[in-house]
Structure formats: structure tokens, C-alpha cells
């Protein structure tokens, strides 16, 4: 999918280096969701999906992680991710040079969760994979 035509409660943004396994990515996502639960953010009962850059479409670890997690995986255009780049909380000079956004994981999460999304878990990284989570909000509750 190019741009998500879905509505989700939680958007999990993913980034990774070439060749990272689905097991590593899935483990990182599970840990991120556990961190949210420990912070008191509801992670059950709503719709959840994975999002990343279209540039990672051929990365087998991402599709494997989606299958392991039983979550849909959506690929976002560079324009969709750049549109929310100013709201990213972390920045990597390497990622900025390669993809034109400060964080693939954070911008994918923000773009995936909708126009008034907010980051609820800033980018975490392990074993060459990154993950961030954004929550969909409506205009009336957005800051």
C-alpha cells in the first residue's frame, strides 16, 4: 500500500537497516507496546498497524515482523513522512541525509496515525531497528 487509507488508534512506525530480521523487529515492537502499557497507555482493544517508508518496501524483515505480530504493514510516501517531519521528537543526521526526515520511525508513526497524531513513545532502537508509536487524536483534543 502506498498511503494508508485506514484509521488506526495506534500507529507503530518502523525503521531498520538492510537485512534486519523480522524476529528482531517484532521483539522491538513487543517491547515498545509493553513500555506503553507500563506508562498506562492503552494498547489493547483499538486498531494498531505498522508503518514505514516506501523505500523499505523490499525489506523482508519488515513483512516478516508484520506476519509475526499479526499486524498490517503500510508503506508511506516520502511526501507523507516529510509533511510531519517537524513534529518528530528525535533526529538522526544519517537518516536525515538518506530519507529527508529526522526519524523514519517517528515520522512513519505520525503520518500513519493521522493529521492530529501525537507521539506517545519516541524512537527506541535496538539491533539496527527502530520503533516509535503515535496515537491518533481528533482536532478538538490536539494540542
C-alpha atoms as a PDB file:
ATOM      1  CA  UNK A   1       0.000   0.000   0.000  1.00  0.00           C
ATOM      2  CA  UNK A   2       1.331   3.462  -0.742  1.00  0.00           C
ATOM      3  CA  UNK A   3      -0.568   5.702   1.621  1.00  0.00           C
ATOM      4  CA  UNK A   4      -2.754   4.266   4.289  1.00  0.00           C
ATOM      5  CA  UNK A   5      -6.463   4.624   3.749  1.00  0.00           C
ATOM      6  CA  UNK A   6      -7.013   3.191   7.188  1.00  0.00           C
ATOM      7  CA  UNK A   7      -7.896   4.645  10.518  1.00  0.00           C
ATOM      8  CA  UNK A   8      -5.871   3.381  13.445  1.00  0.00           C
ATOM      9  CA  UNK A   9      -5.753   4.163  17.144  1.00  0.00           C
ATOM     10  CA  UNK A  10      -2.031   3.411  17.412  1.00  0.00           C
ATOM     11  CA  UNK A  11       0.453   3.678  14.570  1.00  0.00           C
ATOM     12  CA  UNK A  12       3.751   1.904  15.054  1.00  0.00           C
ATOM     13  CA  UNK A  13       6.472   3.454  12.939  1.00  0.00           C
ATOM     14  CA  UNK A  14       9.393   1.248  11.959  1.00  0.00           C
ATOM     15  CA  UNK A  15      12.841   1.796  10.578  1.00  0.00           C
ATOM     16  CA  UNK A  16      15.690  -0.633  10.070  1.00  0.00           C
ATOM     17  CA  UNK A  17      18.951  -1.195   8.325  1.00  0.00           C
ATOM     18  CA  UNK A  18      19.050  -3.586   5.414  1.00  0.00           C
ATOM     19  CA  UNK A  19      18.912  -7.222   6.429  1.00  0.00           C
ATOM     20  CA  UNK A  20      17.467  -6.878   9.945  1.00  0.00           C
ATOM     21  CA  UNK A  21      15.413  -9.948  10.778  1.00  0.00           C
ATOM     22  CA  UNK A  22      11.706  -9.993  11.387  1.00  0.00           C
ATOM     23  CA  UNK A  23      12.339 -11.576  14.784  1.00  0.00           C
ATOM     24  CA  UNK A  24      14.416  -8.561  15.881  1.00  0.00           C
ATOM     25  CA  UNK A  25      11.824  -6.070  14.631  1.00  0.00           C
ATOM     26  CA  UNK A  26       8.896  -7.975  16.172  1.00  0.00           C
ATOM     27  CA  UNK A  27      10.706  -8.198  19.515  1.00  0.00           C
ATOM     28  CA  UNK A  28      11.330  -4.450  19.475  1.00  0.00           C
ATOM     29  CA  UNK A  29       7.647  -3.767  18.736  1.00  0.00           C
ATOM     30  CA  UNK A  30       6.529  -6.062  21.563  1.00  0.00           C
ATOM     31  CA  UNK A  31       8.893  -4.271  23.945  1.00  0.00           C
ATOM     32  CA  UNK A  32       7.591  -0.878  22.785  1.00  0.00           C
ATOM     33  CA  UNK A  33       3.992  -1.935  23.393  1.00  0.00           C
ATOM     34  CA  UNK A  34       4.974  -3.225  26.846  1.00  0.00           C
ATOM     35  CA  UNK A  35       6.604   0.145  27.599  1.00  0.00           C
ATOM     36  CA  UNK A  36       3.354   1.888  26.653  1.00  0.00           C
ATOM     37  CA  UNK A  37       1.352  -0.444  28.876  1.00  0.00           C
ATOM     38  CA  UNK A  38       3.697   0.319  31.777  1.00  0.00           C
ATOM     39  CA  UNK A  39       3.135   4.046  31.141  1.00  0.00           C
ATOM     40  CA  UNK A  40      -0.619   3.470  31.366  1.00  0.00           C
ATOM     41  CA  UNK A  41      -1.323   3.943  27.663  1.00  0.00           C
ATOM     42  CA  UNK A  42      -3.981   1.505  26.460  1.00  0.00           C
ATOM     43  CA  UNK A  43      -2.625  -0.837  23.811  1.00  0.00           C
ATOM     44  CA  UNK A  44      -5.467  -3.354  23.667  1.00  0.00           C
ATOM     45  CA  UNK A  45      -8.880  -3.024  22.091  1.00  0.00           C
ATOM     46  CA  UNK A  46      -8.054  -0.428  19.464  1.00  0.00           C
ATOM     47  CA  UNK A  47      -6.758  -0.784  15.963  1.00  0.00           C
ATOM     48  CA  UNK A  48      -2.991  -0.979  15.578  1.00  0.00           C
ATOM     49  CA  UNK A  49      -0.907  -1.055  12.398  1.00  0.00           C
ATOM     50  CA  UNK A  50       2.719  -0.855  11.337  1.00  0.00           C
ATOM     51  CA  UNK A  51       4.029   1.929   9.087  1.00  0.00           C
ATOM     52  CA  UNK A  52       7.331   2.597   7.372  1.00  0.00           C
ATOM     53  CA  UNK A  53       8.790   4.355   4.374  1.00  0.00           C
ATOM     54  CA  UNK A  54       8.052   3.176   0.859  1.00  0.00           C
ATOM     55  CA  UNK A  55      11.832   2.912   0.417  1.00  0.00           C
ATOM     56  CA  UNK A  56      11.731  -0.185   2.663  1.00  0.00           C
ATOM     57  CA  UNK A  57       9.098  -1.999   0.596  1.00  0.00           C
ATOM     58  CA  UNK A  58      11.539  -4.774  -0.394  1.00  0.00           C
ATOM     59  CA  UNK A  59      12.905  -5.317   3.118  1.00  0.00           C
ATOM     60  CA  UNK A  60      11.856  -8.880   4.076  1.00  0.00           C
ATOM     61  CA  UNK A  61      12.352  -8.340   7.809  1.00  0.00           C
ATOM     62  CA  UNK A  62       9.514  -5.831   7.894  1.00  0.00           C
ATOM     63  CA  UNK A  63       6.965  -8.094   6.232  1.00  0.00           C
ATOM     64  CA  UNK A  64       8.134 -10.983   8.406  1.00  0.00           C
ATOM     65  CA  UNK A  65       7.684  -8.858  11.540  1.00  0.00           C
ATOM     66  CA  UNK A  66       4.184  -7.887  10.417  1.00  0.00           C
ATOM     67  CA  UNK A  67       3.313 -11.564   9.983  1.00  0.00           C
ATOM     68  CA  UNK A  68       4.802 -12.466  13.379  1.00  0.00           C
ATOM     69  CA  UNK A  69       2.815  -9.678  15.045  1.00  0.00           C
ATOM     70  CA  UNK A  70      -0.358 -10.305  13.015  1.00  0.00           C
ATOM     71  CA  UNK A  71      -0.496  -6.595  12.174  1.00  0.00           C
ATOM     72  CA  UNK A  72      -0.966  -4.891   8.818  1.00  0.00           C
ATOM     73  CA  UNK A  73       2.065  -3.149   7.334  1.00  0.00           C
ATOM     74  CA  UNK A  74       1.633   0.075   5.355  1.00  0.00           C
ATOM     75  CA  UNK A  75       4.265   1.834   3.251  1.00  0.00           C
ATOM     76  CA  UNK A  76       4.268   5.631   3.192  1.00  0.00           C
ATOM     77  CA  UNK A  77       5.393   8.037   0.515  1.00  0.00           C
ATOM     78  CA  UNK A  78       8.300  10.383   1.214  1.00  0.00           C
ATOM     79  CA  UNK A  79       5.845  13.311   0.930  1.00  0.00           C
ATOM     80  CA  UNK A  80       3.584  11.913   3.657  1.00  0.00           C
ATOM     81  CA  UNK A  81       6.524  11.488   6.007  1.00  0.00           C
ATOM     82  CA  UNK A  82       8.086  14.864   5.211  1.00  0.00           C
ATOM     83  CA  UNK A  83       4.743  16.554   5.919  1.00  0.00           C
ATOM     84  CA  UNK A  84       5.003  15.560   9.603  1.00  0.00           C
ATOM     85  CA  UNK A  85       8.794  15.766   9.971  1.00  0.00           C
ATOM     86  CA  UNK A  86       8.602  18.959  12.015  1.00  0.00           C
ATOM     87  CA  UNK A  87       6.759  17.063  14.758  1.00  0.00           C
ATOM     88  CA  UNK A  88       9.394  14.347  15.205  1.00  0.00           C
ATOM     89  CA  UNK A  89      10.966  14.327  18.655  1.00  0.00           C
ATOM     90  CA  UNK A  90      14.331  12.797  17.754  1.00  0.00           C
ATOM     91  CA  UNK A  91      16.695  13.227  14.860  1.00  0.00           C
ATOM     92  CA  UNK A  92      19.431  11.203  13.201  1.00  0.00           C
ATOM     93  CA  UNK A  93      21.782  13.015  10.820  1.00  0.00           C
ATOM     94  CA  UNK A  94      22.257   9.751   8.877  1.00  0.00           C
ATOM     95  CA  UNK A  95      18.509   9.230   8.448  1.00  0.00           C
ATOM     96  CA  UNK A  96      18.013  12.871   7.501  1.00  0.00           C
ATOM     97  CA  UNK A  97      20.648  12.521   4.762  1.00  0.00           C
ATOM     98  CA  UNK A  98      19.228   9.224   3.463  1.00  0.00           C
ATOM     99  CA  UNK A  99      15.479   9.796   3.734  1.00  0.00           C
ATOM    100  CA  UNK A 100      14.958  13.540   4.188  1.00  0.00           C
ATOM    101  CA  UNK A 101      13.235  13.111   7.566  1.00  0.00           C
ATOM    102  CA  UNK A 102      14.713  13.265  11.079  1.00  0.00           C
ATOM    103  CA  UNK A 103      13.439   9.808  12.086  1.00  0.00           C
ATOM    104  CA  UNK A 104      11.860   7.169   9.863  1.00  0.00           C
ATOM    105  CA  UNK A 105      10.143   5.517  12.825  1.00  0.00           C
ATOM    106  CA  UNK A 106       8.660   8.712  14.267  1.00  0.00           C
ATOM    107  CA  UNK A 107       7.549  10.278  11.001  1.00  0.00           C
ATOM    108  CA  UNK A 108       6.029   6.981   9.855  1.00  0.00           C
ATOM    109  CA  UNK A 109       4.123   6.707  13.145  1.00  0.00           C
ATOM    110  CA  UNK A 110       2.889  10.302  12.950  1.00  0.00           C
ATOM    111  CA  UNK A 111       1.866  10.040   9.301  1.00  0.00           C
ATOM    112  CA  UNK A 112       0.195   6.701   9.914  1.00  0.00           C
ATOM    113  CA  UNK A 113      -1.862   7.904  12.881  1.00  0.00           C
ATOM    114  CA  UNK A 114      -3.397  10.844  11.060  1.00  0.00           C
ATOM    115  CA  UNK A 115      -3.233  14.619  10.891  1.00  0.00           C
ATOM    116  CA  UNK A 116      -3.560  15.286  14.617  1.00  0.00           C
ATOM    117  CA  UNK A 117      -1.402  12.403  15.841  1.00  0.00           C
ATOM    118  CA  UNK A 118       0.883  12.673  18.813  1.00  0.00           C
ATOM    119  CA  UNK A 119       3.979  10.664  19.667  1.00  0.00           C
ATOM    120  CA  UNK A 120       3.330   8.525  22.743  1.00  0.00           C
ATOM    121  CA  UNK A 121       6.635   6.652  22.550  1.00  0.00           C
ATOM    122  CA  UNK A 122       9.603   8.387  20.972  1.00  0.00           C
ATOM    123  CA  UNK A 123      12.020   6.370  18.885  1.00  0.00           C
ATOM    124  CA  UNK A 124      13.672   3.423  20.554  1.00  0.00           C
ATOM    125  CA  UNK A 125      16.398   1.442  18.845  1.00  0.00           C
ATOM    126  CA  UNK A 126      17.978  -1.981  19.140  1.00  0.00           C
ATOM    127  CA  UNK A 127      19.995  -4.198  16.818  1.00  0.00           C
ATOM    128  CA  UNK A 128      19.700  -1.835  13.825  1.00  0.00           C
ATOM    129  CA  UNK A 129      15.913  -1.498  14.112  1.00  0.00           C
ATOM    130  CA  UNK A 130      13.901   1.492  15.325  1.00  0.00           C
ATOM    131  CA  UNK A 131      10.354   1.851  16.540  1.00  0.00           C
ATOM    132  CA  UNK A 132       8.135   4.753  17.608  1.00  0.00           C
ATOM    133  CA  UNK A 133       4.439   4.891  18.408  1.00  0.00           C
ATOM    134  CA  UNK A 134       1.910   7.640  17.728  1.00  0.00           C
ATOM    135  CA  UNK A 135      -1.682   7.844  18.870  1.00  0.00           C
ATOM    136  CA  UNK A 136      -4.476   9.193  16.737  1.00  0.00           C
ATOM    137  CA  UNK A 137      -6.224  12.192  18.231  1.00  0.00           C
ATOM    138  CA  UNK A 138      -9.014  14.344  16.948  1.00  0.00           C
ATOM    139  CA  UNK A 139      -8.684  18.035  16.226  1.00  0.00           C
ATOM    140  CA  UNK A 140     -10.511  19.052  19.400  1.00  0.00           C
ATOM    141  CA  UNK A 141      -8.058  17.184  21.665  1.00  0.00           C
ATOM    142  CA  UNK A 142      -4.872  18.035  19.751  1.00  0.00           C
ATOM    143  CA  UNK A 143      -2.501  20.494  21.443  1.00  0.00           C
END
